[in-house]
Amino acid sequence: MKRIDRIPCVKGVAILRPYVMRLLFDDGVVRDILYVPGEADGSLLEPLGDPEYFAQVRVDPEGGTVVWPNGLDLDPLVLHGDFEAENPVGFHDVTSTALTQ
């Protein structure tokens, strides 16, 4: 099992294009995350199929991660790249491809 000394916190989020957000962490790490609508089901995921709703993502300073108006939040350890999601629910790290486009 991987040992984590501290949980990274998301400090900033920006929408690069529909369904792609860039995250800035408190340790300087930057990740670009793509959401693929329809790749997973769930009532909290359903509104994300609308790119305008997806763009309403905000940083939750208490949780140290991103959150949408319906309360959906994502694990900062997965977003940071420290762990693979057991169920990625449609979110994928595209950092290397987004930086070259």
PDB file of N, CA and C in Angstrom:
ATOM      1  N   MET A   1       0.848  -1.189   0.000  1.00  0.00           N
ATOM      2  CA  MET A   1       0.000   0.000   0.000  1.00  0.00           C
ATOM      3  C   MET A   1       0.886   1.243   0.000  1.00  0.00           C
ATOM      4  N   LYS A   2       0.499   2.214  -0.770  1.00  0.00           N
ATOM      5  CA  LYS A   2       1.239   3.457  -0.875  1.00  0.00           C
ATOM      6  C   LYS A   2       1.026   4.296   0.388  1.00  0.00           C
ATOM      7  N   ARG A   3       2.110   4.873   0.902  1.00  0.00           N
ATOM      8  CA  ARG A   3       2.017   5.703   2.100  1.00  0.00           C
ATOM      9  C   ARG A   3       1.882   7.172   1.688  1.00  0.00           C
ATOM     10  N   ILE A   4       0.936   7.834   2.305  1.00  0.00           N
ATOM     11  CA  ILE A   4       0.697   9.246   2.041  1.00  0.00           C
ATOM     12  C   ILE A   4       0.976  10.021   3.323  1.00  0.00           C
ATOM     13  N   ASP A   5       1.898  10.983   3.242  1.00  0.00           N
ATOM     14  CA  ASP A   5       2.214  11.811   4.400  1.00  0.00           C
ATOM     15  C   ASP A   5       1.218  12.943   4.583  1.00  0.00           C
ATOM     16  N   ARG A   6       0.667  13.421   3.484  1.00  0.00           N
ATOM     17  CA  ARG A   6      -0.314  14.503   3.548  1.00  0.00           C
ATOM     18  C   ARG A   6      -1.238  14.402   2.343  1.00  0.00           C
ATOM     19  N   ILE A   7      -2.422  14.904   2.510  1.00  0.00           N
ATOM     20  CA  ILE A   7      -3.388  14.907   1.414  1.00  0.00           C
ATOM     21  C   ILE A   7      -3.230  16.222   0.652  1.00  0.00           C
ATOM     22  N   PRO A   8      -2.986  16.147  -0.657  1.00  0.00           N
ATOM     23  CA  PRO A   8      -2.858  17.373  -1.442  1.00  0.00           C
ATOM     24  C   PRO A   8      -4.204  18.099  -1.533  1.00  0.00           C
ATOM     25  N   CYS A   9      -4.144  19.412  -1.587  1.00  0.00           N
ATOM     26  CA  CYS A   9      -5.360  20.226  -1.681  1.00  0.00           C
ATOM     27  C   CYS A   9      -5.413  20.945  -3.020  1.00  0.00           C
ATOM     28  N   VAL A  10      -6.590  20.902  -3.635  1.00  0.00           N
ATOM     29  CA  VAL A  10      -6.817  21.672  -4.849  1.00  0.00           C
ATOM     30  C   VAL A  10      -6.948  23.141  -4.444  1.00  0.00           C
ATOM     31  N   LYS A  11      -6.162  24.000  -5.080  1.00  0.00           N
ATOM     32  CA  LYS A  11      -6.193  25.434  -4.784  1.00  0.00           C
ATOM     33  C   LYS A  11      -6.815  26.255  -5.907  1.00  0.00           C
ATOM     34  N   GLY A  12      -6.885  25.666  -7.108  1.00  0.00           N
ATOM     35  CA  GLY A  12      -7.474  26.392  -8.224  1.00  0.00           C
ATOM     36  C   GLY A  12      -8.012  25.434  -9.266  1.00  0.00           C
ATOM     37  N   VAL A  13      -9.042  25.883  -9.981  1.00  0.00           N
ATOM     38  CA  VAL A  13      -9.611  25.099 -11.068  1.00  0.00           C
ATOM     39  C   VAL A  13      -9.988  26.057 -12.193  1.00  0.00           C
ATOM     40  N   ALA A  14      -9.719  25.637 -13.420  1.00  0.00           N
ATOM     41  CA  ALA A  14     -10.081  26.411 -14.605  1.00  0.00           C
ATOM     42  C   ALA A  14     -10.605  25.459 -15.663  1.00  0.00           C
ATOM     43  N   ILE A  15     -11.609  25.896 -16.391  1.00  0.00           N
ATOM     44  CA  ILE A  15     -12.136  25.103 -17.498  1.00  0.00           C
ATOM     45  C   ILE A  15     -11.333  25.456 -18.742  1.00  0.00           C
ATOM     46  N   LEU A  16     -10.688  24.443 -19.351  1.00  0.00           N
ATOM     47  CA  LEU A  16      -9.891  24.657 -20.561  1.00  0.00           C
ATOM     48  C   LEU A  16     -10.745  24.624 -21.815  1.00  0.00           C
ATOM     49  N   ARG A  17     -11.692  23.711 -21.830  1.00  0.00           N
ATOM     50  CA  ARG A  17     -12.640  23.539 -22.931  1.00  0.00           C
ATOM     51  C   ARG A  17     -13.748  22.644 -22.383  1.00  0.00           C
ATOM     52  N   PRO A  18     -14.834  22.426 -23.114  1.00  0.00           N
ATOM     53  CA  PRO A  18     -15.903  21.598 -22.559  1.00  0.00           C
ATOM     54  C   PRO A  18     -15.381  20.262 -22.031  1.00  0.00           C
ATOM     55  N   TYR A  19     -15.722  19.988 -20.800  1.00  0.00           N
ATOM     56  CA  TYR A  19     -15.412  18.731 -20.102  1.00  0.00           C
ATOM     57  C   TYR A  19     -13.939  18.552 -19.739  1.00  0.00           C
ATOM     58  N   VAL A  20     -13.128  19.588 -19.836  1.00  0.00           N
ATOM     59  CA  VAL A  20     -11.724  19.483 -19.413  1.00  0.00           C
ATOM     60  C   VAL A  20     -11.444  20.602 -18.417  1.00  0.00           C
ATOM     61  N   MET A  21     -10.978  20.198 -17.228  1.00  0.00           N
ATOM     62  CA  MET A  21     -10.624  21.175 -16.204  1.00  0.00           C
ATOM     63  C   MET A  21      -9.154  21.024 -15.835  1.00  0.00           C
ATOM     64  N   ARG A  22      -8.531  22.146 -15.544  1.00  0.00           N
ATOM     65  CA  ARG A  22      -7.138  22.158 -15.081  1.00  0.00           C
ATOM     66  C   ARG A  22      -7.158  22.438 -13.592  1.00  0.00           C
ATOM     67  N   LEU A  23      -6.479  21.584 -12.843  1.00  0.00           N
ATOM     68  CA  LEU A  23      -6.426  21.709 -11.393  1.00  0.00           C
ATOM     69  C   LEU A  23      -5.031  22.121 -10.955  1.00  0.00           C
ATOM     70  N   LEU A  24      -4.959  23.042 -10.008  1.00  0.00           N
ATOM     71  CA  LEU A  24      -3.702  23.450  -9.395  1.00  0.00           C
ATOM     72  C   LEU A  24      -3.748  23.024  -7.937  1.00  0.00           C
ATOM     73  N   PHE A  25      -2.709  22.291  -7.522  1.00  0.00           N
ATOM     74  CA  PHE A  25      -2.632  21.801  -6.147  1.00  0.00           C
ATOM     75  C   PHE A  25      -1.686  22.657  -5.319  1.00  0.00           C
ATOM     76  N   ASP A  26      -1.826  22.538  -4.006  1.00  0.00           N
ATOM     77  CA  ASP A  26      -1.032  23.360  -3.097  1.00  0.00           C
ATOM     78  C   ASP A  26       0.462  23.038  -3.130  1.00  0.00           C
ATOM     79  N   ASP A  27       0.850  21.932  -3.743  1.00  0.00           N
ATOM     80  CA  ASP A  27       2.275  21.595  -3.864  1.00  0.00           C
ATOM     81  C   ASP A  27       2.832  21.946  -5.251  1.00  0.00           C
ATOM     82  N   GLY A  28       2.022  22.652  -6.059  1.00  0.00           N
ATOM     83  CA  GLY A  28       2.462  23.082  -7.384  1.00  0.00           C
ATOM     84  C   GLY A  28       2.124  22.133  -8.515  1.00  0.00           C
ATOM     85  N   VAL A  29       1.628  20.962  -8.214  1.00  0.00           N
ATOM     86  CA  VAL A  29       1.246  19.999  -9.254  1.00  0.00           C
ATOM     87  C   VAL A  29       0.043  20.547 -10.026  1.00  0.00           C
ATOM     88  N   VAL A  30       0.077  20.360 -11.341  1.00  0.00           N
ATOM     89  CA  VAL A  30      -1.026  20.746 -12.212  1.00  0.00           C
ATOM     90  C   VAL A  30      -1.505  19.500 -12.941  1.00  0.00           C
ATOM     91  N   ARG A  31      -2.812  19.278 -12.942  1.00  0.00           N
ATOM     92  CA  ARG A  31      -3.406  18.136 -13.638  1.00  0.00           C
ATOM     93  C   ARG A  31      -4.563  18.623 -14.502  1.00  0.00           C
ATOM     94  N   ASP A  32      -4.662  18.050 -15.690  1.00  0.00           N
ATOM     95  CA  ASP A  32      -5.799  18.290 -16.572  1.00  0.00           C
ATOM     96  C   ASP A  32      -6.666  17.043 -16.558  1.00  0.00           C
ATOM     97  N   ILE A  33      -7.938  17.241 -16.240  1.00  0.00           N
ATOM     98  CA  ILE A  33      -8.869  16.133 -16.064  1.00  0.00           C
ATOM     99  C   ILE A  33      -9.996  16.252 -17.084  1.00  0.00           C
ATOM    100  N   LEU A  34     -10.212  15.174 -17.828  1.00  0.00           N
ATOM    101  CA  LEU A  34     -11.281  15.082 -18.820  1.00  0.00           C
ATOM    102  C   LEU A  34     -12.440  14.296 -18.228  1.00  0.00           C
ATOM    103  N   TYR A  35     -13.651  14.813 -18.419  1.00  0.00           N
ATOM    104  CA  TYR A  35     -14.851  14.066 -18.067  1.00  0.00           C
ATOM    105  C   TYR A  35     -15.502  13.572 -19.347  1.00  0.00           C
ATOM    106  N   VAL A  36     -15.837  12.281 -19.388  1.00  0.00           N
ATOM    107  CA  VAL A  36     -16.508  11.687 -20.542  1.00  0.00           C
ATOM    108  C   VAL A  36     -17.964  11.416 -20.153  1.00  0.00           C
ATOM    109  N   PRO A  37     -18.885  12.273 -20.613  1.00  0.00           N
ATOM    110  CA  PRO A  37     -20.295  12.085 -20.261  1.00  0.00           C
ATOM    111  C   PRO A  37     -20.802  10.716 -20.699  1.00  0.00           C
ATOM    112  N   GLY A  38     -21.604  10.112 -19.833  1.00  0.00           N
ATOM    113  CA  GLY A  38     -22.215   8.833 -20.155  1.00  0.00           C
ATOM    114  C   GLY A  38     -21.331   7.622 -19.896  1.00  0.00           C
ATOM    115  N   GLU A  39     -20.084   7.831 -19.508  1.00  0.00           N
ATOM    116  CA  GLU A  39     -19.196   6.699 -19.252  1.00  0.00           C
ATOM    117  C   GLU A  39     -19.563   5.976 -17.958  1.00  0.00           C
ATOM    118  N   ALA A  40     -20.219   6.675 -17.062  1.00  0.00           N
ATOM    119  CA  ALA A  40     -20.685   6.078 -15.808  1.00  0.00           C
ATOM    120  C   ALA A  40     -22.064   6.648 -15.500  1.00  0.00           C
ATOM    121  N   ASP A  41     -22.850   5.891 -14.745  1.00  0.00           N
ATOM    122  CA  ASP A  41     -24.200   6.308 -14.390  1.00  0.00           C
ATOM    123  C   ASP A  41     -24.247   6.761 -12.937  1.00  0.00           C
ATOM    124  N   GLY A  42     -25.212   7.585 -12.653  1.00  0.00           N
ATOM    125  CA  GLY A  42     -25.440   8.018 -11.281  1.00  0.00           C
ATOM    126  C   GLY A  42     -26.141   9.358 -11.274  1.00  0.00           C
ATOM    127  N   SER A  43     -27.005   9.551 -10.282  1.00  0.00           N
ATOM    128  CA  SER A  43     -27.787  10.777 -10.237  1.00  0.00           C
ATOM    129  C   SER A  43     -26.915  12.016 -10.050  1.00  0.00           C
ATOM    130  N   LEU A  44     -25.798  11.906  -9.339  1.00  0.00           N
ATOM    131  CA  LEU A  44     -24.910  13.057  -9.169  1.00  0.00           C
ATOM    132  C   LEU A  44     -24.118  13.354 -10.439  1.00  0.00           C
ATOM    133  N   LEU A  45     -23.875  12.334 -11.258  1.00  0.00           N
ATOM    134  CA  LEU A  45     -23.115  12.522 -12.499  1.00  0.00           C
ATOM    135  C   LEU A  45     -23.976  13.052 -13.645  1.00  0.00           C
ATOM    136  N   GLU A  46     -25.255  12.763 -13.596  1.00  0.00           N
ATOM    137  CA  GLU A  46     -26.144  13.108 -14.718  1.00  0.00           C
ATOM    138  C   GLU A  46     -26.056  14.581 -15.138  1.00  0.00           C
ATOM    139  N   PRO A  47     -26.085  15.550 -14.220  1.00  0.00           N
ATOM    140  CA  PRO A  47     -26.017  16.957 -14.646  1.00  0.00           C
ATOM    141  C   PRO A  47     -24.702  17.330 -15.346  1.00  0.00           C
ATOM    142  N   LEU A  48     -23.641  16.575 -15.105  1.00  0.00           N
ATOM    143  CA  LEU A  48     -22.353  16.893 -15.721  1.00  0.00           C
ATOM    144  C   LEU A  48     -22.367  16.705 -17.235  1.00  0.00           C
ATOM    145  N   GLY A  49     -23.376  16.027 -17.764  1.00  0.00           N
ATOM    146  CA  GLY A  49     -23.518  15.880 -19.203  1.00  0.00           C
ATOM    147  C   GLY A  49     -23.759  17.201 -19.924  1.00  0.00           C
ATOM    148  N   ASP A  50     -24.161  18.210 -19.179  1.00  0.00           N
ATOM    149  CA  ASP A  50     -24.347  19.554 -19.725  1.00  0.00           C
ATOM    150  C   ASP A  50     -23.045  20.328 -19.519  1.00  0.00           C
ATOM    151  N   PRO A  51     -22.368  20.740 -20.594  1.00  0.00           N
ATOM    152  CA  PRO A  51     -21.082  21.422 -20.428  1.00  0.00           C
ATOM    153  C   PRO A  51     -21.173  22.710 -19.612  1.00  0.00           C
ATOM    154  N   GLU A  52     -22.315  23.385 -19.642  1.00  0.00           N
ATOM    155  CA  GLU A  52     -22.477  24.591 -18.824  1.00  0.00           C
ATOM    156  C   GLU A  52     -22.511  24.244 -17.336  1.00  0.00           C
ATOM    157  N   TYR A  53     -23.163  23.125 -17.016  1.00  0.00           N
ATOM    158  CA  TYR A  53     -23.177  22.682 -15.615  1.00  0.00           C
ATOM    159  C   TYR A  53     -21.785  22.218 -15.195  1.00  0.00           C
ATOM    160  N   PHE A  54     -21.119  21.460 -16.063  1.00  0.00           N
ATOM    161  CA  PHE A  54     -19.763  21.006 -15.755  1.00  0.00           C
ATOM    162  C   PHE A  54     -18.872  22.197 -15.405  1.00  0.00           C
ATOM    163  N   ALA A  55     -19.035  23.296 -16.134  1.00  0.00           N
ATOM    164  CA  ALA A  55     -18.207  24.491 -15.938  1.00  0.00           C
ATOM    165  C   ALA A  55     -18.499  25.203 -14.617  1.00  0.00           C
ATOM    166  N   GLN A  56     -19.520  24.781 -13.876  1.00  0.00           N
ATOM    167  CA  GLN A  56     -19.823  25.380 -12.576  1.00  0.00           C
ATOM    168  C   GLN A  56     -18.972  24.802 -11.451  1.00  0.00           C
ATOM    169  N   VAL A  57     -18.001  23.967 -11.790  1.00  0.00           N
ATOM    170  CA  VAL A  57     -17.117  23.376 -10.791  1.00  0.00           C
ATOM    171  C   VAL A  57     -16.403  24.485 -10.014  1.00  0.00           C
ATOM    172  N   ARG A  58     -16.220  24.253  -8.726  1.00  0.00           N
ATOM    173  CA  ARG A  58     -15.548  25.211  -7.849  1.00  0.00           C
ATOM    174  C   ARG A  58     -14.622  24.461  -6.896  1.00  0.00           C
ATOM    175  N   VAL A  59     -13.703  25.181  -6.304  1.00  0.00           N
ATOM    176  CA  VAL A  59     -12.848  24.609  -5.267  1.00  0.00           C
ATOM    177  C   VAL A  59     -13.590  24.681  -3.938  1.00  0.00           C
ATOM    178  N   ASP A  60     -13.607  23.563  -3.236  1.00  0.00           N
ATOM    179  CA  ASP A  60     -14.132  23.518  -1.865  1.00  0.00           C
ATOM    180  C   ASP A  60     -12.933  23.622  -0.933  1.00  0.00           C
ATOM    181  N   PRO A  61     -12.675  24.793  -0.347  1.00  0.00           N
ATOM    182  CA  PRO A  61     -11.477  24.949   0.476  1.00  0.00           C
ATOM    183  C   PRO A  61     -11.473  24.058   1.719  1.00  0.00           C
ATOM    184  N   GLU A  62     -12.649  23.722   2.239  1.00  0.00           N
ATOM    185  CA  GLU A  62     -12.701  22.844   3.406  1.00  0.00           C
ATOM    186  C   GLU A  62     -12.343  21.414   3.037  1.00  0.00           C
ATOM    187  N   GLY A  63     -12.818  20.967   1.880  1.00  0.00           N
ATOM    188  CA  GLY A  63     -12.552  19.597   1.448  1.00  0.00           C
ATOM    189  C   GLY A  63     -11.255  19.445   0.688  1.00  0.00           C
ATOM    190  N   GLY A  64     -10.699  20.563   0.217  1.00  0.00           N
ATOM    191  CA  GLY A  64      -9.443  20.517  -0.527  1.00  0.00           C
ATOM    192  C   GLY A  64      -9.575  19.878  -1.894  1.00  0.00           C
ATOM    193  N   THR A  65     -10.770  19.949  -2.455  1.00  0.00           N
ATOM    194  CA  THR A  65     -11.009  19.333  -3.754  1.00  0.00           C
ATOM    195  C   THR A  65     -12.002  20.173  -4.544  1.00  0.00           C
ATOM    196  N   VAL A  66     -12.441  19.633  -5.675  1.00  0.00           N
ATOM    197  CA  VAL A  66     -13.435  20.327  -6.490  1.00  0.00           C
ATOM    198  C   VAL A  66     -14.825  19.804  -6.165  1.00  0.00           C
ATOM    199  N   VAL A  67     -15.804  20.668  -6.380  1.00  0.00           N
ATOM    200  CA  VAL A  67     -17.188  20.308  -6.076  1.00  0.00           C
ATOM    201  C   VAL A  67     -18.111  21.022  -7.063  1.00  0.00           C
ATOM    202  N   TRP A  68     -19.240  20.367  -7.359  1.00  0.00           N
ATOM    203  CA  TRP A  68     -20.282  20.950  -8.210  1.00  0.00           C
ATOM    204  C   TRP A  68     -21.461  21.345  -7.333  1.00  0.00           C
ATOM    205  N   PRO A  69     -22.379  22.145  -7.878  1.00  0.00           N
ATOM    206  CA  PRO A  69     -23.511  22.625  -7.061  1.00  0.00           C
ATOM    207  C   PRO A  69     -24.347  21.515  -6.418  1.00  0.00           C
ATOM    208  N   ASN A  70     -24.394  20.334  -7.030  1.00  0.00           N
ATOM    209  CA  ASN A  70     -25.201  19.248  -6.464  1.00  0.00           C
ATOM    210  C   ASN A  70     -24.470  18.483  -5.357  1.00  0.00           C
ATOM    211  N   GLY A  71     -23.253  18.914  -5.005  1.00  0.00           N
ATOM    212  CA  GLY A  71     -22.510  18.270  -3.924  1.00  0.00           C
ATOM    213  C   GLY A  71     -21.509  17.226  -4.376  1.00  0.00           C
ATOM    214  N   LEU A  72     -21.484  16.890  -5.657  1.00  0.00           N
ATOM    215  CA  LEU A  72     -20.514  15.919  -6.157  1.00  0.00           C
ATOM    216  C   LEU A  72     -19.113  16.475  -5.962  1.00  0.00           C
ATOM    217  N   ASP A  73     -18.267  15.697  -5.294  1.00  0.00           N
ATOM    218  CA  ASP A  73     -16.861  16.069  -5.157  1.00  0.00           C
ATOM    219  C   ASP A  73     -16.002  14.865  -5.516  1.00  0.00           C
ATOM    220  N   LEU A  74     -14.725  15.123  -5.783  1.00  0.00           N
ATOM    221  CA  LEU A  74     -13.818  14.066  -6.228  1.00  0.00           C
ATOM    222  C   LEU A  74     -12.658  13.945  -5.254  1.00  0.00           C
ATOM    223  N   ASP A  75     -12.124  12.738  -5.144  1.00  0.00           N
ATOM    224  CA  ASP A  75     -11.032  12.449  -4.220  1.00  0.00           C
ATOM    225  C   ASP A  75      -9.762  13.186  -4.651  1.00  0.00           C
ATOM    226  N   PRO A  76      -9.218  14.068  -3.815  1.00  0.00           N
ATOM    227  CA  PRO A  76      -8.018  14.804  -4.208  1.00  0.00           C
ATOM    228  C   PRO A  76      -6.794  13.908  -4.408  1.00  0.00           C
ATOM    229  N   LEU A  77      -6.727  12.780  -3.726  1.00  0.00           N
ATOM    230  CA  LEU A  77      -5.597  11.860  -3.912  1.00  0.00           C
ATOM    231  C   LEU A  77      -5.611  11.243  -5.308  1.00  0.00           C
ATOM    232  N   VAL A  78      -6.798  10.956  -5.818  1.00  0.00           N
ATOM    233  CA  VAL A  78      -6.924  10.421  -7.179  1.00  0.00           C
ATOM    234  C   VAL A  78      -6.638  11.524  -8.193  1.00  0.00           C
ATOM    235  N   LEU A  79      -7.222  12.694  -7.979  1.00  0.00           N
ATOM    236  CA  LEU A  79      -6.996  13.816  -8.899  1.00  0.00           C
ATOM    237  C   LEU A  79      -5.519  14.186  -8.976  1.00  0.00           C
ATOM    238  N   HIS A  80      -4.827  14.112  -7.865  1.00  0.00           N
ATOM    239  CA  HIS A  80      -3.401  14.469  -7.777  1.00  0.00           C
ATOM    240  C   HIS A  80      -2.526  13.427  -8.472  1.00  0.00           C
ATOM    241  N   GLY A  81      -3.066  12.210  -8.640  1.00  0.00           N
ATOM    242  CA  GLY A  81      -2.314  11.139  -9.290  1.00  0.00           C
ATOM    243  C   GLY A  81      -1.636  10.190  -8.332  1.00  0.00           C
ATOM    244  N   ASP A  82      -1.983  10.275  -7.045  1.00  0.00           N
ATOM    245  CA  ASP A  82      -1.363   9.403  -6.044  1.00  0.00           C
ATOM    246  C   ASP A  82      -1.955   8.004  -6.045  1.00  0.00           C
ATOM    247  N   PHE A  83      -3.205   7.880  -6.466  1.00  0.00           N
ATOM    248  CA  PHE A  83      -3.907   6.599  -6.504  1.00  0.00           C
ATOM    249  C   PHE A  83      -4.757   6.528  -7.758  1.00  0.00           C
ATOM    250  N   GLU A  84      -5.026   5.303  -8.199  1.00  0.00           N
ATOM    251  CA  GLU A  84      -5.970   5.062  -9.285  1.00  0.00           C
ATOM    252  C   GLU A  84      -7.364   4.946  -8.669  1.00  0.00           C
ATOM    253  N   ALA A  85      -8.342   5.493  -9.344  1.00  0.00           N
ATOM    254  CA  ALA A  85      -9.721   5.378  -8.864  1.00  0.00           C
ATOM    255  C   ALA A  85     -10.206   3.946  -9.046  1.00  0.00           C
ATOM    256  N   GLU A  86     -10.895   3.420  -8.045  1.00  0.00           N
ATOM    257  CA  GLU A  86     -11.499   2.095  -8.184  1.00  0.00           C
ATOM    258  C   GLU A  86     -12.588   2.139  -9.239  1.00  0.00           C
ATOM    259  N   ASN A  87     -13.298   3.246  -9.287  1.00  0.00           N
ATOM    260  CA  ASN A  87     -14.352   3.457 -10.269  1.00  0.00           C
ATOM    261  C   ASN A  87     -14.185   4.892 -10.765  1.00  0.00           C
ATOM    262  N   PRO A  88     -13.554   5.097 -11.919  1.00  0.00           N
ATOM    263  CA  PRO A  88     -13.234   6.458 -12.349  1.00  0.00           C
ATOM    264  C   PRO A  88     -14.438   7.321 -12.726  1.00  0.00           C
ATOM    265  N   VAL A  89     -15.614   6.781 -12.763  1.00  0.00           N
ATOM    266  CA  VAL A  89     -16.868   7.482 -13.058  1.00  0.00           C
ATOM    267  C   VAL A  89     -16.761   8.508 -14.181  1.00  0.00           C
ATOM    268  N   GLY A  90     -15.922   8.219 -15.170  1.00  0.00           N
ATOM    269  CA  GLY A  90     -15.850   9.070 -16.342  1.00  0.00           C
ATOM    270  C   GLY A  90     -14.770  10.131 -16.324  1.00  0.00           C
ATOM    271  N   PHE A  91     -13.992  10.223 -15.257  1.00  0.00           N
ATOM    272  CA  PHE A  91     -12.927  11.217 -15.155  1.00  0.00           C
ATOM    273  C   PHE A  91     -11.573  10.580 -15.476  1.00  0.00           C
ATOM    274  N   HIS A  92     -10.777  11.264 -16.314  1.00  0.00           N
ATOM    275  CA  HIS A  92      -9.484  10.732 -16.754  1.00  0.00           C
ATOM    276  C   HIS A  92      -8.438  11.827 -16.758  1.00  0.00           C
ATOM    277  N   ASP A  93      -7.234  11.488 -16.316  1.00  0.00           N
ATOM    278  CA  ASP A  93      -6.114  12.429 -16.343  1.00  0.00           C
ATOM    279  C   ASP A  93      -5.606  12.506 -17.779  1.00  0.00           C
ATOM    280  N   VAL A  94      -5.642  13.694 -18.357  1.00  0.00           N
ATOM    281  CA  VAL A  94      -5.167  13.910 -19.726  1.00  0.00           C
ATOM    282  C   VAL A  94      -4.075  14.989 -19.744  1.00  0.00           C
ATOM    283  N   THR A  95      -3.359  15.093 -18.641  1.00  0.00           N
ATOM    284  CA  THR A  95      -2.387  16.165 -18.489  1.00  0.00           C
ATOM    285  C   THR A  95      -1.408  16.220 -19.640  1.00  0.00           C
ATOM    286  N   SER A  96      -0.794  15.121 -19.987  1.00  0.00           N
ATOM    287  CA  SER A  96       0.234  15.153 -21.036  1.00  0.00           C
ATOM    288  C   SER A  96      -0.365  15.514 -22.391  1.00  0.00           C
ATOM    289  N   THR A  97      -1.570  15.057 -22.701  1.00  0.00           N
ATOM    290  CA  THR A  97      -2.162  15.381 -23.996  1.00  0.00           C
ATOM    291  C   THR A  97      -2.678  16.820 -24.022  1.00  0.00           C
ATOM    292  N   ALA A  98      -3.222  17.303 -22.908  1.00  0.00           N
ATOM    293  CA  ALA A  98      -3.766  18.667 -22.883  1.00  0.00           C
ATOM    294  C   ALA A  98      -2.642  19.700 -22.999  1.00  0.00           C
ATOM    295  N   LEU A  99      -1.476  19.403 -22.454  1.00  0.00           N
ATOM    296  CA  LEU A  99      -0.373  20.355 -22.490  1.00  0.00           C
ATOM    297  C   LEU A  99       0.252  20.454 -23.861  1.00  0.00           C
ATOM    298  N   THR A 100       0.030  19.450 -24.710  1.00  0.00           N
ATOM    299  CA  THR A 100       0.638  19.469 -26.053  1.00  0.00           C
ATOM    300  C   THR A 100      -0.345  19.932 -27.123  1.00  0.00           C
ATOM    301  N   GLN A 101      -1.584  20.210 -26.760  1.00  0.00           N
ATOM    302  CA  GLN A 101      -2.581  20.621 -27.756  1.00  0.00           C
ATOM    303  C   GLN A 101      -2.671  22.130 -27.830  1.00  0.00           C
TER     304      GLN A 101
END
